[in-house]
Amino acid sequence: MSENPSPVRVAIVNDYELVVSGVAAVLEPYRDRVQVLELDSRMPVLNDVDVVLYDTFGQVQGDVMELEELTADSDARVVVFTWNTDPALVRRAVAHGAAGYVSKSLGAAEMVEAIERVHAGEVVVPADDVQGVDGEAFGRWPGDEEGLSARESEMVALVVQGHSNQEIAERTYLSINSVKTYIRTAYRKIGVTTRSQAVVWGMQHGFEPDRSRIVRPGARD
């Protein structure tokens, strides 16, 4: 899939600048095939891109995603980038307008190929036997330097955003018991015991959603 005459133009979207920057860094060695033009955190995509890569860290998923807001006044195709590959969730996302649904279990080269396939007009989804993972090998997330796994980090992010355990379970499509387990292990790692302490810690360690746009050289309207 690397015969494209020019690189696929990509914008990466997530509420956390560290997350989008981490994904961009992983894709950087493939810049001859995928050109990351814009990194957006709680900002609409500004430039004319071919693919919008929507990282679901701390975000809503499934058919409640507002995909049309990501591609307003644009022909860009949306690729959902996630560790939650439940087939029913994949089907709902595609029915809601996603052109790709890509697991974080992929390596960078596979990710680039998936982006190229979506740009070529395919709808790319995981095989039925692909299992969800915690995405430890791909990119960065808040709290990674403090030892938090990607899932634990996401739980802290959602706690900082003010969500209850039940709301977090509904947002991430995890069981309430899984949510409680992730939160408990995260609290142990960061040295807190209460939700209010976790919120204070999170606000001091980059867990408040960002509002930023980084436009890279080569972008065009």
Protein backbone atom coordinates (compact mmCIF):
# COMPACT_ATOMS: atom_id res chain seq x y z
CA MET A 1 0.00 0.00 0.00
CA SER A 2 2.99 2.35 -0.20
CA GLU A 3 2.60 3.34 -3.87
CA ASN A 4 0.68 6.55 -3.14
CA PRO A 5 2.16 9.42 -5.19
CA SER A 6 2.08 11.62 -2.09
CA PRO A 7 1.71 10.92 1.63
CA VAL A 8 -1.72 10.59 3.20
CA ARG A 9 -2.45 13.82 5.04
CA VAL A 10 -3.51 13.15 8.63
CA ALA A 11 -4.84 15.07 11.62
CA ILE A 12 -4.68 13.41 15.06
CA VAL A 13 -7.43 14.27 17.55
CA ASN A 14 -7.66 13.74 21.30
CA ASP A 15 -8.32 15.95 24.33
CA TYR A 16 -4.75 15.45 25.58
CA GLU A 17 -1.82 17.04 23.78
CA LEU A 18 0.56 14.41 25.16
CA VAL A 19 -1.55 11.66 23.59
CA VAL A 20 -1.70 13.18 20.10
CA SER A 21 1.98 14.09 20.20
CA GLY A 22 2.85 10.54 21.23
CA VAL A 23 0.95 9.04 18.32
CA ALA A 24 2.54 11.51 15.92
CA ALA A 25 6.00 10.54 17.18
CA VAL A 26 5.30 6.86 16.49
CA LEU A 27 4.18 7.67 12.94
CA GLU A 28 7.09 10.03 12.23
CA PRO A 29 9.43 7.36 10.74
CA TYR A 30 6.76 6.78 8.05
CA ARG A 31 6.44 10.44 7.03
CA ASP A 32 7.03 9.50 3.39
CA ARG A 33 3.71 7.62 3.54
CA VAL A 34 1.75 9.43 6.25
CA GLN A 35 2.16 13.15 6.80
CA VAL A 36 0.81 14.36 10.15
CA LEU A 37 -0.26 17.94 9.48
CA GLU A 38 -2.29 18.79 12.54
CA LEU A 39 -2.58 17.80 16.21
CA ASP A 40 -5.85 18.89 17.83
CA SER A 41 -6.94 18.82 21.45
CA ARG A 42 -10.54 20.01 21.92
CA MET A 43 -10.24 22.02 18.72
CA PRO A 44 -11.87 21.37 15.32
CA VAL A 45 -9.64 20.19 12.49
CA LEU A 46 -8.61 23.27 10.56
CA ASN A 47 -6.69 21.99 7.55
CA ASP A 48 -7.59 20.00 4.49
CA VAL A 49 -6.58 16.44 5.45
CA ASP A 50 -7.38 13.02 4.06
CA VAL A 51 -7.77 11.13 7.33
CA VAL A 52 -8.69 12.18 10.87
CA LEU A 53 -7.22 9.79 13.42
CA TYR A 54 -9.45 9.86 16.52
CA ASP A 55 -7.69 8.48 19.60
CA THR A 56 -10.33 7.34 22.08
CA PHE A 57 -8.22 7.88 25.23
CA GLY A 58 -10.65 9.47 27.70
CA GLN A 59 -13.25 9.93 24.95
CA VAL A 60 -16.75 8.67 24.23
CA GLN A 61 -16.95 5.66 21.93
CA GLY A 62 -19.39 3.76 19.75
CA ASP A 63 -22.45 5.40 18.22
CA VAL A 64 -22.34 8.37 20.60
CA MET A 65 -19.16 9.73 19.00
CA GLU A 66 -19.76 13.03 17.20
CA LEU A 67 -17.74 12.07 14.13
CA GLU A 68 -19.32 14.68 11.92
CA GLU A 69 -17.87 17.38 14.17
CA LEU A 70 -14.41 16.07 13.36
CA THR A 71 -14.87 16.40 9.63
CA ALA A 72 -17.13 19.43 9.25
CA ASP A 73 -16.82 20.96 5.77
CA SER A 74 -14.32 18.26 4.82
CA ASP A 75 -14.16 15.00 2.89
CA ALA A 76 -11.75 13.52 5.41
CA ARG A 77 -12.39 9.96 6.55
CA VAL A 78 -12.31 9.16 10.28
CA VAL A 79 -10.26 6.32 11.75
CA VAL A 80 -11.05 5.39 15.35
CA PHE A 81 -7.87 4.36 17.20
CA THR A 82 -8.64 2.36 20.32
CA TRP A 83 -7.90 -0.65 22.52
CA ASN A 84 -11.60 -1.56 22.76
CA THR A 85 -12.37 -3.82 19.78
CA ASP A 86 -15.65 -5.37 20.87
CA PRO A 87 -17.36 -6.35 17.56
CA ALA A 88 -20.67 -4.72 18.51
CA LEU A 89 -18.88 -1.48 19.34
CA VAL A 90 -16.99 -1.62 16.03
CA ARG A 91 -20.23 -2.12 14.10
CA ARG A 92 -21.91 0.83 15.82
CA ALA A 93 -18.94 3.11 15.16
CA VAL A 94 -18.85 2.19 11.46
CA ALA A 95 -22.61 2.61 11.16
CA HIS A 96 -22.16 6.05 12.71
CA GLY A 97 -19.67 7.07 10.04
CA ALA A 98 -16.22 5.74 10.96
CA ALA A 99 -14.25 4.59 7.90
CA GLY A 100 -11.75 2.69 10.01
CA TYR A 101 -11.60 1.15 13.46
CA VAL A 102 -8.04 0.26 14.39
CA SER A 103 -6.73 -1.56 17.45
CA LYS A 104 -3.81 -0.22 19.48
CA SER A 105 -2.41 -3.72 19.34
CA LEU A 106 -1.11 -2.87 15.84
CA GLY A 107 2.48 -1.91 15.28
CA ALA A 108 3.33 1.40 13.62
CA ALA A 109 3.81 -0.13 10.15
CA GLU A 110 0.42 -1.86 10.35
CA MET A 111 -1.15 1.37 11.51
CA VAL A 112 0.27 3.23 8.51
CA GLU A 113 -1.05 0.54 6.17
CA ALA A 114 -4.50 0.82 7.74
CA ILE A 115 -4.50 4.59 7.21
CA GLU A 116 -3.50 4.11 3.57
CA ARG A 117 -6.25 1.55 3.03
CA VAL A 118 -8.85 3.89 4.50
CA HIS A 119 -7.59 6.70 2.28
CA ALA A 120 -7.90 4.36 -0.71
CA GLY A 121 -11.59 3.87 0.05
CA GLU A 122 -11.67 0.73 2.18
CA VAL A 123 -13.49 0.38 5.48
CA VAL A 124 -10.90 -1.13 7.80
CA VAL A 125 -11.96 -2.99 10.95
CA PRO A 126 -10.23 -5.50 13.23
CA ALA A 127 -10.50 -9.22 12.62
CA ASP A 128 -13.10 -10.85 14.86
CA ASP A 129 -10.38 -12.63 16.84
CA VAL A 130 -8.43 -9.47 17.71
CA GLN A 131 -8.60 -8.85 21.43
CA GLY A 132 -8.60 -5.47 23.14
CA VAL A 133 -5.30 -4.48 24.73
CA ASP A 134 -4.04 -1.76 27.03
CA GLY A 135 -2.09 -0.04 24.27
CA GLU A 136 1.17 -0.02 26.18
CA ALA A 137 3.38 -0.08 23.07
CA PHE A 138 1.81 2.79 21.16
CA GLY A 139 2.46 6.42 22.00
CA ARG A 140 2.25 8.14 25.35
CA TRP A 141 -0.39 9.07 27.92
CA PRO A 142 -0.58 11.25 31.04
CA GLY A 143 1.07 9.60 34.03
CA ASP A 144 3.17 7.15 32.01
CA GLU A 145 6.33 8.50 33.63
CA GLU A 146 4.75 7.84 37.04
CA GLY A 147 4.21 4.18 36.12
CA LEU A 148 0.54 4.24 35.17
CA SER A 149 -0.59 1.88 32.43
CA ALA A 150 -2.65 3.35 29.60
CA ARG A 151 -5.89 2.04 31.08
CA GLU A 152 -5.03 3.25 34.58
CA SER A 153 -4.19 6.64 33.12
CA GLU A 154 -7.52 6.80 31.33
CA MET A 155 -9.35 6.02 34.57
CA VAL A 156 -7.55 8.87 36.36
CA ALA A 157 -8.30 11.21 33.44
CA LEU A 158 -12.00 10.42 33.63
CA VAL A 159 -12.02 10.81 37.42
CA VAL A 160 -10.41 14.24 37.00
CA GLN A 161 -13.11 15.08 34.45
CA GLY A 162 -15.69 14.40 37.18
CA HIS A 163 -17.17 11.09 36.03
CA SER A 164 -18.52 8.51 38.45
CA ASN A 165 -17.41 4.87 38.26
CA GLN A 166 -20.66 3.96 36.51
CA GLU A 167 -20.24 6.76 33.98
CA ILE A 168 -16.66 5.66 33.34
CA ALA A 169 -17.85 2.09 32.71
CA GLU A 170 -20.45 3.31 30.23
CA ARG A 171 -17.98 5.62 28.50
CA THR A 172 -15.23 3.02 28.12
CA TYR A 173 -17.44 -0.07 27.62
CA LEU A 174 -15.77 -1.79 30.57
CA SER A 175 -17.47 -3.64 33.39
CA ILE A 176 -17.89 -1.73 36.62
CA ASN A 177 -15.61 -4.25 38.34
CA SER A 178 -12.86 -3.65 35.77
CA VAL A 179 -13.18 0.10 36.28
CA LYS A 180 -12.89 -0.30 40.06
CA THR A 181 -9.83 -2.52 39.66
CA TYR A 182 -8.05 -0.08 37.34
CA ILE A 183 -8.85 2.83 39.65
CA ARG A 184 -7.66 0.93 42.72
CA THR A 185 -4.31 0.03 41.14
CA ALA A 186 -3.90 3.57 39.80
CA TYR A 187 -4.53 5.06 43.23
CA ARG A 188 -1.97 2.72 44.74
CA LYS A 189 0.66 3.77 42.18
CA ILE A 190 0.12 7.50 42.63
CA GLY A 191 -0.17 7.30 46.41
CA VAL A 192 -3.75 8.48 46.97
CA THR A 193 -6.74 6.90 48.68
CA THR A 194 -9.68 9.14 47.84
CA ARG A 195 -11.28 10.56 44.71
CA SER A 196 -10.62 14.13 45.76
CA GLN A 197 -6.94 13.34 46.29
CA ALA A 198 -6.82 11.72 42.85
CA VAL A 199 -8.34 14.84 41.27
CA VAL A 200 -5.74 17.09 42.92
CA TRP A 201 -2.92 14.76 41.89
CA GLY A 202 -4.25 14.57 38.34
CA MET A 203 -4.51 18.35 38.00
CA GLN A 204 -0.89 18.60 39.09
CA HIS A 205 0.29 15.94 36.63
CA GLY A 206 -1.24 16.85 33.28
CA PHE A 207 -4.65 15.18 33.51
CA GLU A 208 -6.75 18.22 32.74
CA PRO A 209 -7.88 18.16 29.08
CA ASP A 210 -5.92 20.52 26.87
CA ARG A 211 -7.19 23.01 24.33
CA SER A 212 -4.60 23.34 21.62
CA ARG A 213 -3.88 23.03 17.94
CA ILE A 214 -0.46 22.31 16.46
CA VAL A 215 -0.22 22.86 12.71
CA ARG A 216 2.86 21.36 11.12
CA PRO A 217 4.76 22.52 8.03
CA GLY A 218 3.14 21.36 4.82
CA ALA A 219 -0.42 21.99 5.94
CA ARG A 220 -2.65 23.72 3.47
CA ASP A 221 -6.24 24.90 3.55
